[in-house]
């Protein structure tokens, strides 16, 4: 299967976070464009997540450990780890989730992350 990020629709997930989403059989990839100052609420999910920063600086807290992740750096978020963050600059980040984020299939609004944050 081949995929063009340029042709993928943009979905606003929460304020300041716009996503392009790709699902494979066992994984979900999300390419984020994030506005400086946008906040990711504290939440957790059963998926393993790897976040890679292509552009910008993102302050990320994973299970109480706080770091600034910059361009060319990645963070591994274990399943069920409580995490949150804030874009210090405009950012472009790619998240890989395993298994597939079924809750990200066909989501037209920002309800997904808010639901995940309140159910953790």
PDB file of N, CA and C in Angstrom:
ATOM      1  N   UNK A   1       0.841  -1.175   0.000  1.00  0.00           N
ATOM      2  CA  UNK A   1       0.000   0.000   0.000  1.00  0.00           C
ATOM      3  C   UNK A   1       0.888   1.240   0.000  1.00  0.00           C
ATOM      4  N   UNK A   2       0.490   2.238  -0.757  1.00  0.00           N
ATOM      5  CA  UNK A   2       1.223   3.499  -0.821  1.00  0.00           C
ATOM      6  C   UNK A   2       0.308   4.620  -0.356  1.00  0.00           C
ATOM      7  N   UNK A   3       0.902   5.655   0.185  1.00  0.00           N
ATOM      8  CA  UNK A   3       0.135   6.732   0.803  1.00  0.00           C
ATOM      9  C   UNK A   3       0.845   8.048   0.568  1.00  0.00           C
ATOM     10  N   UNK A   4       0.108   9.085   0.250  1.00  0.00           N
ATOM     11  CA  UNK A   4       0.670  10.430   0.090  1.00  0.00           C
ATOM     12  C   UNK A   4       0.150  11.326   1.206  1.00  0.00           C
ATOM     13  N   UNK A   5       1.055  11.791   2.061  1.00  0.00           N
ATOM     14  CA  UNK A   5       0.660  12.710   3.125  1.00  0.00           C
ATOM     15  C   UNK A   5       0.081  13.985   2.533  1.00  0.00           C
ATOM     16  N   UNK A   6       0.561  14.392   1.361  1.00  0.00           N
ATOM     17  CA  UNK A   6       0.074  15.617   0.730  1.00  0.00           C
ATOM     18  C   UNK A   6      -1.410  15.525   0.398  1.00  0.00           C
ATOM     19  N   UNK A   7      -1.910  14.319   0.129  1.00  0.00           N
ATOM     20  CA  UNK A   7      -3.315  14.133  -0.231  1.00  0.00           C
ATOM     21  C   UNK A   7      -4.213  13.812   0.961  1.00  0.00           C
ATOM     22  N   UNK A   8      -3.641  13.632   2.130  1.00  0.00           N
ATOM     23  CA  UNK A   8      -4.422  13.249   3.312  1.00  0.00           C
ATOM     24  C   UNK A   8      -5.230  14.442   3.833  1.00  0.00           C
ATOM     25  N   UNK A   9      -6.480  14.205   4.226  1.00  0.00           N
ATOM     26  CA  UNK A   9      -7.271  15.301   4.797  1.00  0.00           C
ATOM     27  C   UNK A   9      -6.722  15.704   6.160  1.00  0.00           C
ATOM     28  N   UNK A  10      -6.897  16.963   6.491  1.00  0.00           N
ATOM     29  CA  UNK A  10      -6.472  17.492   7.787  1.00  0.00           C
ATOM     30  C   UNK A  10      -7.671  17.469   8.728  1.00  0.00           C
ATOM     31  N   UNK A  11      -7.473  16.897   9.918  1.00  0.00           N
ATOM     32  CA  UNK A  11      -8.532  16.807  10.917  1.00  0.00           C
ATOM     33  C   UNK A  11      -8.103  17.553  12.172  1.00  0.00           C
ATOM     34  N   UNK A  12      -8.832  18.605  12.573  1.00  0.00           N
ATOM     35  CA  UNK A  12      -8.526  19.229  13.862  1.00  0.00           C
ATOM     36  C   UNK A  12      -8.941  18.271  14.977  1.00  0.00           C
ATOM     37  N   UNK A  13      -8.039  18.025  15.918  1.00  0.00           N
ATOM     38  CA  UNK A  13      -8.325  17.084  17.005  1.00  0.00           C
ATOM     39  C   UNK A  13      -8.657  17.844  18.289  1.00  0.00           C
ATOM     40  N   UNK A  14      -7.770  18.724  18.714  1.00  0.00           N
ATOM     41  CA  UNK A  14      -8.058  19.658  19.801  1.00  0.00           C
ATOM     42  C   UNK A  14      -7.481  21.001  19.367  1.00  0.00           C
ATOM     43  N   UNK A  15      -7.777  22.049  20.117  1.00  0.00           N
ATOM     44  CA  UNK A  15      -7.331  23.380  19.722  1.00  0.00           C
ATOM     45  C   UNK A  15      -5.810  23.415  19.532  1.00  0.00           C
ATOM     46  N   UNK A  16      -5.400  23.850  18.335  1.00  0.00           N
ATOM     47  CA  UNK A  16      -3.986  23.978  18.017  1.00  0.00           C
ATOM     48  C   UNK A  16      -3.336  22.723  17.478  1.00  0.00           C
ATOM     49  N   UNK A  17      -4.053  21.607  17.401  1.00  0.00           N
ATOM     50  CA  UNK A  17      -3.523  20.323  16.921  1.00  0.00           C
ATOM     51  C   UNK A  17      -4.310  19.885  15.688  1.00  0.00           C
ATOM     52  N   UNK A  18      -3.631  19.810  14.536  1.00  0.00           N
ATOM     53  CA  UNK A  18      -4.241  19.344  13.293  1.00  0.00           C
ATOM     54  C   UNK A  18      -3.536  18.071  12.856  1.00  0.00           C
ATOM     55  N   UNK A  19      -4.322  17.047  12.486  1.00  0.00           N
ATOM     56  CA  UNK A  19      -3.770  15.715  12.228  1.00  0.00           C
ATOM     57  C   UNK A  19      -4.047  15.251  10.806  1.00  0.00           C
ATOM     58  N   UNK A  20      -3.074  14.527  10.263  1.00  0.00           N
ATOM     59  CA  UNK A  20      -3.250  13.695   9.083  1.00  0.00           C
ATOM     60  C   UNK A  20      -2.988  12.277   9.570  1.00  0.00           C
ATOM     61  N   UNK A  21      -3.911  11.362   9.273  1.00  0.00           N
ATOM     62  CA  UNK A  21      -3.884  10.040   9.907  1.00  0.00           C
ATOM     63  C   UNK A  21      -3.779   8.938   8.856  1.00  0.00           C
ATOM     64  N   UNK A  22      -2.920   7.959   9.141  1.00  0.00           N
ATOM     65  CA  UNK A  22      -2.748   6.778   8.300  1.00  0.00           C
ATOM     66  C   UNK A  22      -2.845   5.547   9.193  1.00  0.00           C
ATOM     67  N   UNK A  23      -3.670   4.592   8.782  1.00  0.00           N
ATOM     68  CA  UNK A  23      -3.786   3.318   9.502  1.00  0.00           C
ATOM     69  C   UNK A  23      -3.203   2.209   8.638  1.00  0.00           C
ATOM     70  N   UNK A  24      -2.379   1.370   9.240  1.00  0.00           N
ATOM     71  CA  UNK A  24      -1.955   0.121   8.602  1.00  0.00           C
ATOM     72  C   UNK A  24      -2.729  -0.996   9.299  1.00  0.00           C
ATOM     73  N   UNK A  25      -2.393  -2.221   9.023  1.00  0.00           N
ATOM     74  CA  UNK A  25      -3.110  -3.331   9.648  1.00  0.00           C
ATOM     75  C   UNK A  25      -2.949  -3.322  11.164  1.00  0.00           C
ATOM     76  N   UNK A  26      -1.751  -2.973  11.665  1.00  0.00           N
ATOM     77  CA  UNK A  26      -1.480  -3.081  13.104  1.00  0.00           C
ATOM     78  C   UNK A  26      -1.045  -1.782  13.769  1.00  0.00           C
ATOM     79  N   UNK A  27      -0.944  -0.681  12.982  1.00  0.00           N
ATOM     80  CA  UNK A  27      -0.440   0.572  13.539  1.00  0.00           C
ATOM     81  C   UNK A  27      -1.244   1.758  13.030  1.00  0.00           C
ATOM     82  N   UNK A  28      -1.137   2.850  13.767  1.00  0.00           N
ATOM     83  CA  UNK A  28      -1.688   4.135  13.329  1.00  0.00           C
ATOM     84  C   UNK A  28      -0.557   5.150  13.366  1.00  0.00           C
ATOM     85  N   UNK A  29      -0.465   5.951  12.316  1.00  0.00           N
ATOM     86  CA  UNK A  29       0.508   7.037  12.228  1.00  0.00           C
ATOM     87  C   UNK A  29      -0.258   8.349  12.146  1.00  0.00           C
ATOM     88  N   UNK A  30       0.172   9.323  12.939  1.00  0.00           N
ATOM     89  CA  UNK A  30      -0.467  10.633  12.921  1.00  0.00           C
ATOM     90  C   UNK A  30       0.608  11.684  12.714  1.00  0.00           C
ATOM     91  N   UNK A  31       0.436  12.458  11.666  1.00  0.00           N
ATOM     92  CA  UNK A  31       1.347  13.574  11.382  1.00  0.00           C
ATOM     93  C   UNK A  31       0.655  14.842  11.872  1.00  0.00           C
ATOM     94  N   UNK A  32       1.239  15.450  12.896  1.00  0.00           N
ATOM     95  CA  UNK A  32       0.649  16.610  13.559  1.00  0.00           C
ATOM     96  C   UNK A  32       1.289  17.912  13.094  1.00  0.00           C
ATOM     97  N   UNK A  33       0.476  18.921  12.899  1.00  0.00           N
ATOM     98  CA  UNK A  33       0.907  20.316  12.820  1.00  0.00           C
ATOM     99  C   UNK A  33       0.344  20.958  14.073  1.00  0.00           C
ATOM    100  N   UNK A  34       1.229  21.513  14.904  1.00  0.00           N
ATOM    101  CA  UNK A  34       0.815  22.008  16.221  1.00  0.00           C
ATOM    102  C   UNK A  34       1.243  23.467  16.354  1.00  0.00           C
ATOM    103  N   UNK A  35       0.315  24.295  16.793  1.00  0.00           N
ATOM    104  CA  UNK A  35       0.592  25.715  16.981  1.00  0.00           C
ATOM    105  C   UNK A  35       1.357  25.944  18.280  1.00  0.00           C
ATOM    106  N   UNK A  36       2.281  26.912  18.248  1.00  0.00           N
ATOM    107  CA  UNK A  36       3.013  27.288  19.457  1.00  0.00           C
ATOM    108  C   UNK A  36       2.021  27.621  20.568  1.00  0.00           C
ATOM    109  N   UNK A  37       2.278  27.101  21.759  1.00  0.00           N
ATOM    110  CA  UNK A  37       1.433  27.353  22.916  1.00  0.00           C
ATOM    111  C   UNK A  37       0.295  26.358  23.094  1.00  0.00           C
ATOM    112  N   UNK A  38       0.010  25.532  22.080  1.00  0.00           N
ATOM    113  CA  UNK A  38      -1.082  24.556  22.197  1.00  0.00           C
ATOM    114  C   UNK A  38      -0.726  23.499  23.240  1.00  0.00           C
ATOM    115  N   UNK A  39      -1.714  23.129  24.041  1.00  0.00           N
ATOM    116  CA  UNK A  39      -1.486  22.183  25.144  1.00  0.00           C
ATOM    117  C   UNK A  39      -2.153  20.843  24.873  1.00  0.00           C
ATOM    118  N   UNK A  40      -1.434  19.786  25.179  1.00  0.00           N
ATOM    119  CA  UNK A  40      -1.944  18.419  25.110  1.00  0.00           C
ATOM    120  C   UNK A  40      -2.350  18.037  26.527  1.00  0.00           C
ATOM    121  N   UNK A  41      -3.654  17.814  26.792  1.00  0.00           N
ATOM    122  CA  UNK A  41      -4.076  17.492  28.157  1.00  0.00           C
ATOM    123  C   UNK A  41      -3.513  16.154  28.634  1.00  0.00           C
ATOM    124  N   UNK A  42      -3.354  16.043  29.935  1.00  0.00           N
ATOM    125  CA  UNK A  42      -2.879  14.796  30.524  1.00  0.00           C
ATOM    126  C   UNK A  42      -3.871  13.677  30.196  1.00  0.00           C
ATOM    127  N   UNK A  43      -3.335  12.550  29.740  1.00  0.00           N
ATOM    128  CA  UNK A  43      -4.175  11.399  29.383  1.00  0.00           C
ATOM    129  C   UNK A  43      -3.307  10.148  29.310  1.00  0.00           C
ATOM    130  N   UNK A  44      -3.945   9.025  29.096  1.00  0.00           N
ATOM    131  CA  UNK A  44      -3.239   7.767  28.856  1.00  0.00           C
ATOM    132  C   UNK A  44      -4.089   6.930  27.923  1.00  0.00           C
ATOM    133  N   UNK A  45      -3.468   5.912  27.343  1.00  0.00           N
ATOM    134  CA  UNK A  45      -4.172   4.979  26.451  1.00  0.00           C
ATOM    135  C   UNK A  45      -3.385   3.679  26.436  1.00  0.00           C
ATOM    136  N   UNK A  46      -4.013   2.589  26.004  1.00  0.00           N
ATOM    137  CA  UNK A  46      -3.338   1.289  26.043  1.00  0.00           C
ATOM    138  C   UNK A  46      -2.313   1.075  24.931  1.00  0.00           C
ATOM    139  N   UNK A  47      -2.158   2.050  24.052  1.00  0.00           N
ATOM    140  CA  UNK A  47      -1.248   1.907  22.913  1.00  0.00           C
ATOM    141  C   UNK A  47       0.177   2.308  23.276  1.00  0.00           C
ATOM    142  N   UNK A  48       1.146   1.570  22.750  1.00  0.00           N
ATOM    143  CA  UNK A  48       2.522   2.061  22.778  1.00  0.00           C
ATOM    144  C   UNK A  48       2.593   3.181  21.753  1.00  0.00           C
ATOM    145  N   UNK A  49       3.340   4.242  22.065  1.00  0.00           N
ATOM    146  CA  UNK A  49       3.419   5.407  21.186  1.00  0.00           C
ATOM    147  C   UNK A  49       4.866   5.842  21.051  1.00  0.00           C
ATOM    148  N   UNK A  50       5.271   6.149  19.836  1.00  0.00           N
ATOM    149  CA  UNK A  50       6.571   6.763  19.594  1.00  0.00           C
ATOM    150  C   UNK A  50       6.312   8.093  18.912  1.00  0.00           C
ATOM    151  N   UNK A  51       6.808   9.166  19.510  1.00  0.00           N
ATOM    152  CA  UNK A  51       6.642  10.515  18.967  1.00  0.00           C
ATOM    153  C   UNK A  51       7.987  10.998  18.444  1.00  0.00           C
ATOM    154  N   UNK A  52       8.000  11.455  17.175  1.00  0.00           N
ATOM    155  CA  UNK A  52       9.223  11.976  16.579  1.00  0.00           C
ATOM    156  C   UNK A  52       8.984  13.418  16.149  1.00  0.00           C
ATOM    157  N   UNK A  53       9.850  14.321  16.591  1.00  0.00           N
ATOM    158  CA  UNK A  53       9.732  15.731  16.254  1.00  0.00           C
ATOM    159  C   UNK A  53      10.546  16.007  14.989  1.00  0.00           C
ATOM    160  N   UNK A  54       9.860  16.484  13.959  1.00  0.00           N
ATOM    161  CA  UNK A  54      10.539  16.888  12.717  1.00  0.00           C
ATOM    162  C   UNK A  54      10.921  18.355  12.757  1.00  0.00           C
ATOM    163  N   UNK A  55      10.062  19.176  13.398  1.00  0.00           N
ATOM    164  CA  UNK A  55      10.300  20.617  13.435  1.00  0.00           C
ATOM    165  C   UNK A  55       9.735  21.155  14.737  1.00  0.00           C
ATOM    166  N   UNK A  56      10.479  22.058  15.376  1.00  0.00           N
ATOM    167  CA  UNK A  56      10.006  22.735  16.568  1.00  0.00           C
ATOM    168  C   UNK A  56      10.514  22.126  17.860  1.00  0.00           C
ATOM    169  N   UNK A  57       9.925  22.608  18.961  1.00  0.00           N
ATOM    170  CA  UNK A  57      10.282  22.144  20.308  1.00  0.00           C
ATOM    171  C   UNK A  57       8.990  21.899  21.075  1.00  0.00           C
ATOM    172  N   UNK A  58       8.890  20.696  21.659  1.00  0.00           N
ATOM    173  CA  UNK A  58       7.679  20.278  22.363  1.00  0.00           C
ATOM    174  C   UNK A  58       8.060  19.814  23.754  1.00  0.00           C
ATOM    175  N   UNK A  59       7.442  20.417  24.767  1.00  0.00           N
ATOM    176  CA  UNK A  59       7.675  20.007  26.152  1.00  0.00           C
ATOM    177  C   UNK A  59       6.731  18.844  26.447  1.00  0.00           C
ATOM    178  N   UNK A  60       7.294  17.703  26.832  1.00  0.00           N
ATOM    179  CA  UNK A  60       6.532  16.477  27.013  1.00  0.00           C
ATOM    180  C   UNK A  60       6.782  15.922  28.406  1.00  0.00           C
ATOM    181  N   UNK A  61       5.696  15.544  29.084  1.00  0.00           N
ATOM    182  CA  UNK A  61       5.799  14.901  30.391  1.00  0.00           C
ATOM    183  C   UNK A  61       5.235  13.491  30.269  1.00  0.00           C
ATOM    184  N   UNK A  62       6.055  12.499  30.646  1.00  0.00           N
ATOM    185  CA  UNK A  62       5.658  11.094  30.607  1.00  0.00           C
ATOM    186  C   UNK A  62       5.845  10.518  32.006  1.00  0.00           C
ATOM    187  N   UNK A  63       4.743  10.081  32.614  1.00  0.00           N
ATOM    188  CA  UNK A  63       4.781   9.529  33.975  1.00  0.00           C
ATOM    189  C   UNK A  63       5.605  10.395  34.922  1.00  0.00           C
ATOM    190  N   UNK A  64       5.390  11.711  34.853  1.00  0.00           N
ATOM    191  CA  UNK A  64       6.041  12.639  35.765  1.00  0.00           C
ATOM    192  C   UNK A  64       7.409  13.139  35.331  1.00  0.00           C
ATOM    193  N   UNK A  65       8.003  12.539  34.302  1.00  0.00           N
ATOM    194  CA  UNK A  65       9.308  12.994  33.814  1.00  0.00           C
ATOM    195  C   UNK A  65       9.096  13.997  32.688  1.00  0.00           C
ATOM    196  N   UNK A  66       9.660  15.193  32.854  1.00  0.00           N
ATOM    197  CA  UNK A  66       9.458  16.293  31.918  1.00  0.00           C
ATOM    198  C   UNK A  66      10.721  16.535  31.094  1.00  0.00           C
ATOM    199  N   UNK A  67      10.554  16.633  29.767  1.00  0.00           N
ATOM    200  CA  UNK A  67      11.675  16.913  28.860  1.00  0.00           C
ATOM    201  C   UNK A  67      11.194  17.792  27.721  1.00  0.00           C
ATOM    202  N   UNK A  68      12.113  18.549  27.144  1.00  0.00           N
ATOM    203  CA  UNK A  68      11.840  19.258  25.898  1.00  0.00           C
ATOM    204  C   UNK A  68      12.423  18.413  24.777  1.00  0.00           C
ATOM    205  N   UNK A  69      11.581  18.066  23.808  1.00  0.00           N
ATOM    206  CA  UNK A  69      11.981  17.242  22.669  1.00  0.00           C
ATOM    207  C   UNK A  69      12.044  18.150  21.456  1.00  0.00           C
ATOM    208  N   UNK A  70      13.187  18.146  20.760  1.00  0.00           N
ATOM    209  CA  UNK A  70      13.380  19.024  19.615  1.00  0.00           C
ATOM    210  C   UNK A  70      13.530  18.255  18.320  1.00  0.00           C
ATOM    211  N   UNK A  71      13.703  19.004  17.251  1.00  0.00           N
ATOM    212  CA  UNK A  71      13.829  18.419  15.914  1.00  0.00           C
ATOM    213  C   UNK A  71      14.910  17.345  15.894  1.00  0.00           C
ATOM    214  N   UNK A  72      14.556  16.184  15.340  1.00  0.00           N
ATOM    215  CA  UNK A  72      15.479  15.062  15.256  1.00  0.00           C
ATOM    216  C   UNK A  72      15.467  14.164  16.479  1.00  0.00           C
ATOM    217  N   UNK A  73      14.612  14.465  17.452  1.00  0.00           N
ATOM    218  CA  UNK A  73      14.529  13.654  18.669  1.00  0.00           C
ATOM    219  C   UNK A  73      13.182  12.944  18.743  1.00  0.00           C
ATOM    220  N   UNK A  74      13.173  11.845  19.489  1.00  0.00           N
ATOM    221  CA  UNK A  74      11.962  11.042  19.653  1.00  0.00           C
ATOM    222  C   UNK A  74      11.743  10.722  21.125  1.00  0.00           C
ATOM    223  N   UNK A  75      10.510  10.355  21.438  1.00  0.00           N
ATOM    224  CA  UNK A  75      10.154   9.901  22.788  1.00  0.00           C
ATOM    225  C   UNK A  75       9.315   8.645  22.652  1.00  0.00           C
ATOM    226  N   UNK A  76       9.572   7.672  23.532  1.00  0.00           N
ATOM    227  CA  UNK A  76       8.778   6.441  23.574  1.00  0.00           C
ATOM    228  C   UNK A  76       7.851   6.544  24.777  1.00  0.00           C
ATOM    229  N   UNK A  77       6.551   6.397  24.511  1.00  0.00           N
ATOM    230  CA  UNK A  77       5.547   6.469  25.562  1.00  0.00           C
ATOM    231  C   UNK A  77       4.969   5.065  25.736  1.00  0.00           C
ATOM    232  N   UNK A  78       5.263   4.423  26.871  1.00  0.00           N
ATOM    233  CA  UNK A  78       4.780   3.049  27.080  1.00  0.00           C
ATOM    234  C   UNK A  78       3.251   2.996  27.172  1.00  0.00           C
ATOM    235  N   UNK A  79       2.673   1.829  26.939  1.00  0.00           N
ATOM    236  CA  UNK A  79       1.231   1.677  27.104  1.00  0.00           C
ATOM    237  C   UNK A  79       0.792   2.114  28.508  1.00  0.00           C
ATOM    238  N   UNK A  80      -0.320   2.825  28.575  1.00  0.00           N
ATOM    239  CA  UNK A  80      -0.948   3.281  29.821  1.00  0.00           C
ATOM    240  C   UNK A  80      -0.163   4.345  30.590  1.00  0.00           C
ATOM    241  N   UNK A  81       0.938   4.842  30.034  1.00  0.00           N
ATOM    242  CA  UNK A  81       1.691   5.906  30.706  1.00  0.00           C
ATOM    243  C   UNK A  81       0.889   7.207  30.636  1.00  0.00           C
ATOM    244  N   UNK A  82       0.826   7.910  31.751  1.00  0.00           N
ATOM    245  CA  UNK A  82       0.161   9.207  31.786  1.00  0.00           C
ATOM    246  C   UNK A  82       1.103  10.224  31.159  1.00  0.00           C
ATOM    247  N   UNK A  83       0.597  10.964  30.155  1.00  0.00           N
ATOM    248  CA  UNK A  83       1.453  11.929  29.480  1.00  0.00           C
ATOM    249  C   UNK A  83       0.663  13.173  29.073  1.00  0.00           C
ATOM    250  N   UNK A  84       1.414  14.261  28.894  1.00  0.00           N
ATOM    251  CA  UNK A  84       0.847  15.550  28.509  1.00  0.00           C
ATOM    252  C   UNK A  84       1.958  16.355  27.866  1.00  0.00           C
ATOM    253  N   UNK A  85       1.606  17.513  27.314  1.00  0.00           N
ATOM    254  CA  UNK A  85       2.649  18.314  26.695  1.00  0.00           C
ATOM    255  C   UNK A  85       2.169  19.682  26.277  1.00  0.00           C
ATOM    256  N   UNK A  86       3.140  20.442  25.733  1.00  0.00           N
ATOM    257  CA  UNK A  86       2.865  21.802  25.278  1.00  0.00           C
ATOM    258  C   UNK A  86       3.879  22.156  24.202  1.00  0.00           C
ATOM    259  N   UNK A  87       3.371  22.725  23.110  1.00  0.00           N
ATOM    260  CA  UNK A  87       4.249  23.159  22.024  1.00  0.00           C
ATOM    261  C   UNK A  87       4.908  24.479  22.415  1.00  0.00           C
ATOM    262  N   UNK A  88       6.231  24.477  22.495  1.00  0.00           N
ATOM    263  CA  UNK A  88       6.963  25.702  22.812  1.00  0.00           C
ATOM    264  C   UNK A  88       7.108  26.581  21.579  1.00  0.00           C
ATOM    265  N   UNK A  89       7.065  25.960  20.403  1.00  0.00           N
ATOM    266  CA  UNK A  89       7.114  26.641  19.110  1.00  0.00           C
ATOM    267  C   UNK A  89       6.103  25.932  18.207  1.00  0.00           C
ATOM    268  N   UNK A  90       5.896  26.436  17.013  1.00  0.00           N
ATOM    269  CA  UNK A  90       5.139  25.661  16.031  1.00  0.00           C
ATOM    270  C   UNK A  90       5.887  24.352  15.828  1.00  0.00           C
ATOM    271  N   UNK A  91       5.156  23.247  15.732  1.00  0.00           N
ATOM    272  CA  UNK A  91       5.786  21.928  15.649  1.00  0.00           C
ATOM    273  C   UNK A  91       5.191  21.089  14.526  1.00  0.00           C
ATOM    274  N   UNK A  92       6.011  20.182  14.025  1.00  0.00           N
ATOM    275  CA  UNK A  92       5.562  19.087  13.180  1.00  0.00           C
ATOM    276  C   UNK A  92       6.065  17.815  13.838  1.00  0.00           C
ATOM    277  N   UNK A  93       5.129  16.950  14.233  1.00  0.00           N
ATOM    278  CA  UNK A  93       5.453  15.734  14.982  1.00  0.00           C
ATOM    279  C   UNK A  93       4.747  14.556  14.328  1.00  0.00           C
ATOM    280  N   UNK A  94       5.430  13.415  14.276  1.00  0.00           N
ATOM    281  CA  UNK A  94       4.817  12.172  13.802  1.00  0.00           C
ATOM    282  C   UNK A  94       4.707  11.226  14.985  1.00  0.00           C
ATOM    283  N   UNK A  95       3.494  10.751  15.235  1.00  0.00           N
ATOM    284  CA  UNK A  95       3.257   9.732  16.254  1.00  0.00           C
ATOM    285  C   UNK A  95       2.982   8.407  15.566  1.00  0.00           C
ATOM    286  N   UNK A  96       3.554   7.349  16.103  1.00  0.00           N
ATOM    287  CA  UNK A  96       3.241   5.983  15.681  1.00  0.00           C
ATOM    288  C   UNK A  96       2.630   5.281  16.884  1.00  0.00           C
ATOM    289  N   UNK A  97       1.485   4.646  16.675  1.00  0.00           N
ATOM    290  CA  UNK A  97       0.768   3.946  17.739  1.00  0.00           C
ATOM    291  C   UNK A  97       0.632   2.472  17.374  1.00  0.00           C
ATOM    292  N   UNK A  98       0.812   1.607  18.372  1.00  0.00           N
ATOM    293  CA  UNK A  98       0.593   0.179  18.185  1.00  0.00           C
ATOM    294  C   UNK A  98      -0.123  -0.336  19.424  1.00  0.00           C
ATOM    295  N   UNK A  99      -1.241  -1.030  19.286  1.00  0.00           N
ATOM    296  CA  UNK A  99      -1.925  -1.373  18.042  1.00  0.00           C
ATOM    297  C   UNK A  99      -2.646  -0.163  17.449  1.00  0.00           C
ATOM    298  N   UNK A 100      -3.432  -0.411  16.406  1.00  0.00           N
ATOM    299  CA  UNK A 100      -4.175   0.629  15.710  1.00  0.00           C
ATOM    300  C   UNK A 100      -5.039   1.423  16.694  1.00  0.00           C
ATOM    301  N   UNK A 101      -5.082   2.744  16.505  1.00  0.00           N
ATOM    302  CA  UNK A 101      -5.984   3.601  17.278  1.00  0.00           C
ATOM    303  C   UNK A 101      -7.356   3.567  16.609  1.00  0.00           C
ATOM    304  N   UNK A 102      -8.167   2.598  16.995  1.00  0.00           N
ATOM    305  CA  UNK A 102      -9.511   2.478  16.419  1.00  0.00           C
ATOM    306  C   UNK A 102     -10.319   3.744  16.668  1.00  0.00           C
ATOM    307  N   UNK A 103     -10.038   4.424  17.791  1.00  0.00           N
ATOM    308  CA  UNK A 103     -10.768   5.650  18.113  1.00  0.00           C
ATOM    309  C   UNK A 103     -10.403   6.809  17.177  1.00  0.00           C
ATOM    310  N   UNK A 104      -9.367   6.656  16.363  1.00  0.00           N
ATOM    311  CA  UNK A 104      -8.984   7.686  15.391  1.00  0.00           C
ATOM    312  C   UNK A 104      -9.553   7.411  14.002  1.00  0.00           C
ATOM    313  N   UNK A 105     -10.242   6.317  13.814  1.00  0.00           N
ATOM    314  CA  UNK A 105     -10.829   6.018  12.498  1.00  0.00           C
ATOM    315  C   UNK A 105     -12.076   6.871  12.288  1.00  0.00           C
ATOM    316  N   UNK A 106     -12.080   7.645  11.196  1.00  0.00           N
ATOM    317  CA  UNK A 106     -13.258   8.403  10.816  1.00  0.00           C
ATOM    318  C   UNK A 106     -13.678   9.487  11.785  1.00  0.00           C
ATOM    319  N   UNK A 107     -12.743  10.062  12.531  1.00  0.00           N
ATOM    320  CA  UNK A 107     -13.084  11.084  13.521  1.00  0.00           C
ATOM    321  C   UNK A 107     -13.083  12.460  12.864  1.00  0.00           C
ATOM    322  N   UNK A 108     -14.249  13.117  12.803  1.00  0.00           N
ATOM    323  CA  UNK A 108     -14.308  14.422  12.156  1.00  0.00           C
ATOM    324  C   UNK A 108     -14.051  15.597  13.091  1.00  0.00           C
ATOM    325  N   UNK A 109     -14.088  15.395  14.419  1.00  0.00           N
ATOM    326  CA  UNK A 109     -13.957  16.512  15.356  1.00  0.00           C
ATOM    327  C   UNK A 109     -12.903  16.214  16.402  1.00  0.00           C
ATOM    328  N   UNK A 110     -12.783  17.115  17.378  1.00  0.00           N
ATOM    329  CA  UNK A 110     -11.789  16.966  18.424  1.00  0.00           C
ATOM    330  C   UNK A 110     -12.208  16.113  19.596  1.00  0.00           C
ATOM    331  N   UNK A 111     -13.260  15.318  19.469  1.00  0.00           N
ATOM    332  CA  UNK A 111     -13.769  14.560  20.607  1.00  0.00           C
ATOM    333  C   UNK A 111     -12.867  13.404  21.025  1.00  0.00           C
ATOM    334  N   UNK A 112     -12.010  12.906  20.139  1.00  0.00           N
ATOM    335  CA  UNK A 112     -11.200  11.736  20.453  1.00  0.00           C
ATOM    336  C   UNK A 112     -10.275  11.963  21.627  1.00  0.00           C
ATOM    337  N   UNK A 113      -9.450  12.984  21.569  1.00  0.00           N
ATOM    338  CA  UNK A 113      -8.473  13.201  22.626  1.00  0.00           C
ATOM    339  C   UNK A 113      -9.160  13.629  23.918  1.00  0.00           C
ATOM    340  N   UNK A 114     -10.191  14.436  23.817  1.00  0.00           N
ATOM    341  CA  UNK A 114     -10.915  14.819  25.033  1.00  0.00           C
ATOM    342  C   UNK A 114     -11.500  13.589  25.708  1.00  0.00           C
ATOM    343  N   UNK A 115     -12.025  12.651  24.927  1.00  0.00           N
ATOM    344  CA  UNK A 115     -12.568  11.412  25.495  1.00  0.00           C
ATOM    345  C   UNK A 115     -11.465  10.594  26.154  1.00  0.00           C
ATOM    346  N   UNK A 116     -10.306  10.487  25.495  1.00  0.00           N
ATOM    347  CA  UNK A 116      -9.181   9.724  26.047  1.00  0.00           C
ATOM    348  C   UNK A 116      -8.702  10.374  27.343  1.00  0.00           C
ATOM    349  N   UNK A 117      -8.649  11.707  27.390  1.00  0.00           N
ATOM    350  CA  UNK A 117      -8.156  12.397  28.566  1.00  0.00           C
ATOM    351  C   UNK A 117      -9.101  12.204  29.749  1.00  0.00           C
ATOM    352  N   UNK A 118     -10.401  12.145  29.513  1.00  0.00           N
ATOM    353  CA  UNK A 118     -11.338  12.025  30.616  1.00  0.00           C
ATOM    354  C   UNK A 118     -11.540  10.585  31.059  1.00  0.00           C
ATOM    355  N   UNK A 119     -11.133   9.618  30.219  1.00  0.00           N
ATOM    356  CA  UNK A 119     -11.340   8.216  30.588  1.00  0.00           C
ATOM    357  C   UNK A 119     -10.111   7.585  31.234  1.00  0.00           C
ATOM    358  N   UNK A 120      -9.039   8.345  31.373  1.00  0.00           N
ATOM    359  CA  UNK A 120      -7.825   7.759  31.963  1.00  0.00           C
ATOM    360  C   UNK A 120      -7.841   7.803  33.465  1.00  0.00           C
TER     361      UNK A 120
END
